[in-house]
Amino acid sequence: DNGVVSIYNLDNTLVREVRNGDVEFSSKGTITWDGKDSEGNAVNNGVYIYIIEADGRIVCNGTVYVAR
């Protein structure tokens, strides 16, 4: 599988891209994002857009809210 999770802010700027091996997929089909950007910094509170792709096709997308 060539899976990738892309997370964008509402300005459509890529915040983080996670590929197979960089993230643990649970048996329930969930993925845990640590709320950090690609540099390892905590992102600001707010809404983020995620897109999950597998083998070059979008299989899931939506939004997540970060609140600390």
PDB file of N, CA and C in Angstrom:
ATOM      1  N   ASP A   1       0.831  -1.201   0.000  1.00  0.00           N
ATOM      2  CA  ASP A   1       0.000   0.000   0.000  1.00  0.00           C
ATOM      3  C   ASP A   1       0.865   1.249   0.000  1.00  0.00           C
ATOM      4  N   ASN A   2       0.440   2.239  -0.741  1.00  0.00           N
ATOM      5  CA  ASN A   2       1.102   3.538  -0.769  1.00  0.00           C
ATOM      6  C   ASN A   2       0.146   4.563  -0.180  1.00  0.00           C
ATOM      7  N   GLY A   3       0.001   4.555   1.131  1.00  0.00           N
ATOM      8  CA  GLY A   3      -0.926   5.458   1.788  1.00  0.00           C
ATOM      9  C   GLY A   3      -0.257   6.737   2.233  1.00  0.00           C
ATOM     10  N   VAL A   4      -1.042   7.801   2.212  1.00  0.00           N
ATOM     11  CA  VAL A   4      -0.537   9.092   2.679  1.00  0.00           C
ATOM     12  C   VAL A   4      -1.686   9.881   3.293  1.00  0.00           C
ATOM     13  N   VAL A   5      -1.397  10.542   4.406  1.00  0.00           N
ATOM     14  CA  VAL A   5      -2.354  11.438   5.049  1.00  0.00           C
ATOM     15  C   VAL A   5      -1.787  12.844   4.917  1.00  0.00           C
ATOM     16  N   SER A   6      -2.546  13.741   4.298  1.00  0.00           N
ATOM     17  CA  SER A   6      -2.130  15.137   4.143  1.00  0.00           C
ATOM     18  C   SER A   6      -3.027  16.002   4.999  1.00  0.00           C
ATOM     19  N   ILE A   7      -2.420  16.916   5.753  1.00  0.00           N
ATOM     20  CA  ILE A   7      -3.178  17.803   6.628  1.00  0.00           C
ATOM     21  C   ILE A   7      -2.883  19.240   6.211  1.00  0.00           C
ATOM     22  N   TYR A   8      -3.955  19.998   5.983  1.00  0.00           N
ATOM     23  CA  TYR A   8      -3.862  21.384   5.515  1.00  0.00           C
ATOM     24  C   TYR A   8      -4.544  22.306   6.511  1.00  0.00           C
ATOM     25  N   ASN A   9      -4.062  23.555   6.576  1.00  0.00           N
ATOM     26  CA  ASN A   9      -4.794  24.560   7.346  1.00  0.00           C
ATOM     27  C   ASN A   9      -5.863  25.166   6.438  1.00  0.00           C
ATOM     28  N   LEU A  10      -6.654  26.082   6.961  1.00  0.00           N
ATOM     29  CA  LEU A  10      -7.757  26.642   6.174  1.00  0.00           C
ATOM     30  C   LEU A  10      -7.293  27.595   5.079  1.00  0.00           C
ATOM     31  N   ASP A  11      -5.987  27.926   5.072  1.00  0.00           N
ATOM     32  CA  ASP A  11      -5.418  28.710   3.973  1.00  0.00           C
ATOM     33  C   ASP A  11      -4.948  27.796   2.851  1.00  0.00           C
ATOM     34  N   ASN A  12      -5.256  26.489   2.967  1.00  0.00           N
ATOM     35  CA  ASN A  12      -4.884  25.477   1.988  1.00  0.00           C
ATOM     36  C   ASN A  12      -3.371  25.275   1.903  1.00  0.00           C
ATOM     37  N   THR A  13      -2.679  25.513   3.021  1.00  0.00           N
ATOM     38  CA  THR A  13      -1.249  25.288   3.110  1.00  0.00           C
ATOM     39  C   THR A  13      -1.011  23.925   3.748  1.00  0.00           C
ATOM     40  N   LEU A  14      -0.180  23.116   3.126  1.00  0.00           N
ATOM     41  CA  LEU A  14       0.138  21.808   3.677  1.00  0.00           C
ATOM     42  C   LEU A  14       0.872  21.977   5.000  1.00  0.00           C
ATOM     43  N   VAL A  15       0.304  21.387   6.052  1.00  0.00           N
ATOM     44  CA  VAL A  15       0.874  21.466   7.391  1.00  0.00           C
ATOM     45  C   VAL A  15       1.745  20.238   7.668  1.00  0.00           C
ATOM     46  N   ARG A  16       1.253  19.086   7.240  1.00  0.00           N
ATOM     47  CA  ARG A  16       1.978  17.836   7.491  1.00  0.00           C
ATOM     48  C   ARG A  16       1.535  16.788   6.498  1.00  0.00           C
ATOM     49  N   GLU A  17       2.487  15.973   6.096  1.00  0.00           N
ATOM     50  CA  GLU A  17       2.191  14.831   5.233  1.00  0.00           C
ATOM     51  C   GLU A  17       2.802  13.612   5.899  1.00  0.00           C
ATOM     52  N   VAL A  18       1.984  12.607   6.104  1.00  0.00           N
ATOM     53  CA  VAL A  18       2.426  11.404   6.783  1.00  0.00           C
ATOM     54  C   VAL A  18       2.232  10.223   5.838  1.00  0.00           C
ATOM     55  N   ARG A  19       3.282   9.453   5.655  1.00  0.00           N
ATOM     56  CA  ARG A  19       3.237   8.301   4.753  1.00  0.00           C
ATOM     57  C   ARG A  19       3.277   7.004   5.552  1.00  0.00           C
ATOM     58  N   ASN A  20       2.969   5.897   4.876  1.00  0.00           N
ATOM     59  CA  ASN A  20       3.067   4.581   5.520  1.00  0.00           C
ATOM     60  C   ASN A  20       4.386   4.458   6.256  1.00  0.00           C
ATOM     61  N   GLY A  21       4.349   3.862   7.426  1.00  0.00           N
ATOM     62  CA  GLY A  21       5.550   3.693   8.219  1.00  0.00           C
ATOM     63  C   GLY A  21       5.787   4.839   9.180  1.00  0.00           C
ATOM     64  N   ASP A  22       5.195   6.004   8.912  1.00  0.00           N
ATOM     65  CA  ASP A  22       5.358   7.168   9.788  1.00  0.00           C
ATOM     66  C   ASP A  22       4.207   7.297  10.772  1.00  0.00           C
ATOM     67  N   VAL A  23       3.188   6.491  10.605  1.00  0.00           N
ATOM     68  CA  VAL A  23       1.990   6.597  11.434  1.00  0.00           C
ATOM     69  C   VAL A  23       1.468   5.200  11.713  1.00  0.00           C
ATOM     70  N   GLU A  24       0.835   5.051  12.849  1.00  0.00           N
ATOM     71  CA  GLU A  24       0.275   3.756  13.202  1.00  0.00           C
ATOM     72  C   GLU A  24      -1.228   3.769  12.938  1.00  0.00           C
ATOM     73  N   PHE A  25      -1.673   2.833  12.122  1.00  0.00           N
ATOM     74  CA  PHE A  25      -3.090   2.667  11.833  1.00  0.00           C
ATOM     75  C   PHE A  25      -3.634   1.638  12.809  1.00  0.00           C
ATOM     76  N   SER A  26      -4.695   1.983  13.522  1.00  0.00           N
ATOM     77  CA  SER A  26      -5.250   1.045  14.501  1.00  0.00           C
ATOM     78  C   SER A  26      -6.118   0.009  13.798  1.00  0.00           C
ATOM     79  N   SER A  27      -6.454  -1.034  14.534  1.00  0.00           N
ATOM     80  CA  SER A  27      -7.310  -2.087  13.973  1.00  0.00           C
ATOM     81  C   SER A  27      -8.716  -1.574  13.686  1.00  0.00           C
ATOM     82  N   LYS A  28      -9.094  -0.441  14.276  1.00  0.00           N
ATOM     83  CA  LYS A  28     -10.410   0.145  14.029  1.00  0.00           C
ATOM     84  C   LYS A  28     -10.393   1.075  12.824  1.00  0.00           C
ATOM     85  N   GLY A  29      -9.242   1.205  12.169  1.00  0.00           N
ATOM     86  CA  GLY A  29      -9.142   2.055  10.994  1.00  0.00           C
ATOM     87  C   GLY A  29      -8.951   3.521  11.322  1.00  0.00           C
ATOM     88  N   THR A  30      -8.507   3.821  12.526  1.00  0.00           N
ATOM     89  CA  THR A  30      -8.280   5.214  12.901  1.00  0.00           C
ATOM     90  C   THR A  30      -6.794   5.539  12.842  1.00  0.00           C
ATOM     91  N   ILE A  31      -6.509   6.808  12.659  1.00  0.00           N
ATOM     92  CA  ILE A  31      -5.145   7.304  12.619  1.00  0.00           C
ATOM     93  C   ILE A  31      -5.038   8.396  13.671  1.00  0.00           C
ATOM     94  N   THR A  32      -3.958   8.401  14.412  1.00  0.00           N
ATOM     95  CA  THR A  32      -3.760   9.430  15.420  1.00  0.00           C
ATOM     96  C   THR A  32      -2.724  10.428  14.915  1.00  0.00           C
ATOM     97  N   TRP A  33      -3.108  11.698  14.884  1.00  0.00           N
ATOM     98  CA  TRP A  33      -2.192  12.790  14.523  1.00  0.00           C
ATOM     99  C   TRP A  33      -1.803  13.480  15.812  1.00  0.00           C
ATOM    100  N   ASP A  34      -0.529  13.743  15.990  1.00  0.00           N
ATOM    101  CA  ASP A  34      -0.040  14.343  17.231  1.00  0.00           C
ATOM    102  C   ASP A  34      -0.214  15.856  17.293  1.00  0.00           C
ATOM    103  N   GLY A  35      -0.827  16.457  16.272  1.00  0.00           N
ATOM    104  CA  GLY A  35      -1.069  17.904  16.288  1.00  0.00           C
ATOM    105  C   GLY A  35       0.162  18.722  15.998  1.00  0.00           C
ATOM    106  N   LYS A  36       1.147  18.107  15.343  1.00  0.00           N
ATOM    107  CA  LYS A  36       2.384  18.819  15.021  1.00  0.00           C
ATOM    108  C   LYS A  36       2.537  18.975  13.517  1.00  0.00           C
ATOM    109  N   ASP A  37       3.254  20.021  13.144  1.00  0.00           N
ATOM    110  CA  ASP A  37       3.518  20.249  11.724  1.00  0.00           C
ATOM    111  C   ASP A  37       4.732  19.427  11.291  1.00  0.00           C
ATOM    112  N   SER A  38       5.148  19.603  10.056  1.00  0.00           N
ATOM    113  CA  SER A  38       6.255  18.810   9.520  1.00  0.00           C
ATOM    114  C   SER A  38       7.594  19.123  10.176  1.00  0.00           C
ATOM    115  N   GLU A  39       7.668  20.246  10.885  1.00  0.00           N
ATOM    116  CA  GLU A  39       8.895  20.618  11.599  1.00  0.00           C
ATOM    117  C   GLU A  39       8.886  20.149  13.057  1.00  0.00           C
ATOM    118  N   GLY A  40       7.776  19.523  13.474  1.00  0.00           N
ATOM    119  CA  GLY A  40       7.663  19.046  14.850  1.00  0.00           C
ATOM    120  C   GLY A  40       7.103  20.054  15.820  1.00  0.00           C
ATOM    121  N   ASN A  41       6.622  21.190  15.306  1.00  0.00           N
ATOM    122  CA  ASN A  41       6.034  22.229  16.153  1.00  0.00           C
ATOM    123  C   ASN A  41       4.534  22.004  16.310  1.00  0.00           C
ATOM    124  N   ALA A  42       4.024  22.270  17.498  1.00  0.00           N
ATOM    125  CA  ALA A  42       2.584  22.166  17.731  1.00  0.00           C
ATOM    126  C   ALA A  42       1.859  23.193  16.862  1.00  0.00           C
ATOM    127  N   VAL A  43       0.788  22.765  16.204  1.00  0.00           N
ATOM    128  CA  VAL A  43       0.012  23.685  15.375  1.00  0.00           C
ATOM    129  C   VAL A  43      -0.898  24.527  16.266  1.00  0.00           C
ATOM    130  N   ASN A  44      -1.381  25.618  15.717  1.00  0.00           N
ATOM    131  CA  ASN A  44      -2.317  26.480  16.446  1.00  0.00           C
ATOM    132  C   ASN A  44      -3.666  25.801  16.574  1.00  0.00           C
ATOM    133  N   ASN A  45      -4.425  26.218  17.572  1.00  0.00           N
ATOM    134  CA  ASN A  45      -5.801  25.748  17.701  1.00  0.00           C
ATOM    135  C   ASN A  45      -6.571  26.124  16.451  1.00  0.00           C
ATOM    136  N   GLY A  46      -7.511  25.292  16.053  1.00  0.00           N
ATOM    137  CA  GLY A  46      -8.341  25.620  14.907  1.00  0.00           C
ATOM    138  C   GLY A  46      -8.717  24.403  14.093  1.00  0.00           C
ATOM    139  N   VAL A  47      -9.308  24.660  12.952  1.00  0.00           N
ATOM    140  CA  VAL A  47      -9.804  23.612  12.062  1.00  0.00           C
ATOM    141  C   VAL A  47      -8.739  23.296  11.016  1.00  0.00           C
ATOM    142  N   TYR A  48      -8.554  22.009  10.759  1.00  0.00           N
ATOM    143  CA  TYR A  48      -7.619  21.523   9.753  1.00  0.00           C
ATOM    144  C   TYR A  48      -8.332  20.530   8.848  1.00  0.00           C
ATOM    145  N   ILE A  49      -7.909  20.497   7.615  1.00  0.00           N
ATOM    146  CA  ILE A  49      -8.487  19.603   6.611  1.00  0.00           C
ATOM    147  C   ILE A  49      -7.542  18.425   6.433  1.00  0.00           C
ATOM    148  N   TYR A  50      -8.094  17.209   6.415  1.00  0.00           N
ATOM    149  CA  TYR A  50      -7.251  16.043   6.149  1.00  0.00           C
ATOM    150  C   TYR A  50      -7.743  15.333   4.897  1.00  0.00           C
ATOM    151  N   ILE A  51      -6.792  14.754   4.185  1.00  0.00           N
ATOM    152  CA  ILE A  51      -7.087  13.948   3.001  1.00  0.00           C
ATOM    153  C   ILE A  51      -6.269  12.673   3.128  1.00  0.00           C
ATOM    154  N   ILE A  52      -6.943  11.547   3.027  1.00  0.00           N
ATOM    155  CA  ILE A  52      -6.265  10.256   3.093  1.00  0.00           C
ATOM    156  C   ILE A  52      -6.305   9.635   1.704  1.00  0.00           C
ATOM    157  N   GLU A  53      -5.111   9.303   1.203  1.00  0.00           N
ATOM    158  CA  GLU A  53      -4.996   8.688  -0.119  1.00  0.00           C
ATOM    159  C   GLU A  53      -4.375   7.310   0.007  1.00  0.00           C
ATOM    160  N   ALA A  54      -4.823   6.399  -0.835  1.00  0.00           N
ATOM    161  CA  ALA A  54      -4.232   5.064  -0.920  1.00  0.00           C
ATOM    162  C   ALA A  54      -4.093   4.718  -2.387  1.00  0.00           C
ATOM    163  N   ASP A  55      -2.903   4.335  -2.767  1.00  0.00           N
ATOM    164  CA  ASP A  55      -2.618   3.972  -4.154  1.00  0.00           C
ATOM    165  C   ASP A  55      -3.058   5.058  -5.126  1.00  0.00           C
ATOM    166  N   GLY A  56      -2.836   6.324  -4.738  1.00  0.00           N
ATOM    167  CA  GLY A  56      -3.120   7.450  -5.618  1.00  0.00           C
ATOM    168  C   GLY A  56      -4.567   7.896  -5.678  1.00  0.00           C
ATOM    169  N   ARG A  57      -5.438   7.284  -4.879  1.00  0.00           N
ATOM    170  CA  ARG A  57      -6.853   7.667  -4.874  1.00  0.00           C
ATOM    171  C   ARG A  57      -7.245   8.209  -3.504  1.00  0.00           C
ATOM    172  N   ILE A  58      -8.059   9.249  -3.499  1.00  0.00           N
ATOM    173  CA  ILE A  58      -8.582   9.777  -2.232  1.00  0.00           C
ATOM    174  C   ILE A  58      -9.629   8.803  -1.712  1.00  0.00           C
ATOM    175  N   VAL A  59      -9.411   8.304  -0.508  1.00  0.00           N
ATOM    176  CA  VAL A  59     -10.333   7.346   0.090  1.00  0.00           C
ATOM    177  C   VAL A  59     -11.140   7.946   1.226  1.00  0.00           C
ATOM    178  N   CYS A  60     -10.677   9.086   1.747  1.00  0.00           N
ATOM    179  CA  CYS A  60     -11.375   9.719   2.860  1.00  0.00           C
ATOM    180  C   CYS A  60     -10.881  11.156   2.982  1.00  0.00           C
ATOM    181  N   ASN A  61     -11.778  12.054   3.408  1.00  0.00           N
ATOM    182  CA  ASN A  61     -11.369  13.426   3.700  1.00  0.00           C
ATOM    183  C   ASN A  61     -12.349  14.016   4.686  1.00  0.00           C
ATOM    184  N   GLY A  62     -11.935  15.080   5.332  1.00  0.00           N
ATOM    185  CA  GLY A  62     -12.800  15.725   6.308  1.00  0.00           C
ATOM    186  C   GLY A  62     -12.036  16.803   7.052  1.00  0.00           C
ATOM    187  N   THR A  63     -12.560  17.151   8.208  1.00  0.00           N
ATOM    188  CA  THR A  63     -11.926  18.180   9.032  1.00  0.00           C
ATOM    189  C   THR A  63     -11.716  17.650  10.443  1.00  0.00           C
ATOM    190  N   VAL A  64     -10.752  18.259  11.103  1.00  0.00           N
ATOM    191  CA  VAL A  64     -10.468  17.946  12.497  1.00  0.00           C
ATOM    192  C   VAL A  64     -10.208  19.272  13.201  1.00  0.00           C
ATOM    193  N   TYR A  65     -10.624  19.360  14.460  1.00  0.00           N
ATOM    194  CA  TYR A  65     -10.416  20.582  15.235  1.00  0.00           C
ATOM    195  C   TYR A  65      -9.358  20.321  16.293  1.00  0.00           C
ATOM    196  N   VAL A  66      -8.356  21.177  16.336  1.00  0.00           N
ATOM    197  CA  VAL A  66      -7.305  21.081  17.348  1.00  0.00           C
ATOM    198  C   VAL A  66      -7.629  22.088  18.451  1.00  0.00           C
ATOM    199  N   ALA A  67      -7.716  21.588  19.665  1.00  0.00           N
ATOM    200  CA  ALA A  67      -7.958  22.445  20.833  1.00  0.00           C
ATOM    201  C   ALA A  67      -7.056  21.947  21.961  1.00  0.00           C
ATOM    202  N   ARG A  68      -6.336  22.859  22.547  1.00  0.00           N
ATOM    203  CA  ARG A  68      -5.432  22.491  23.649  1.00  0.00           C
ATOM    204  C   ARG A  68      -5.892  23.160  24.919  1.00  0.00           C
TER     205      ARG A  68
END
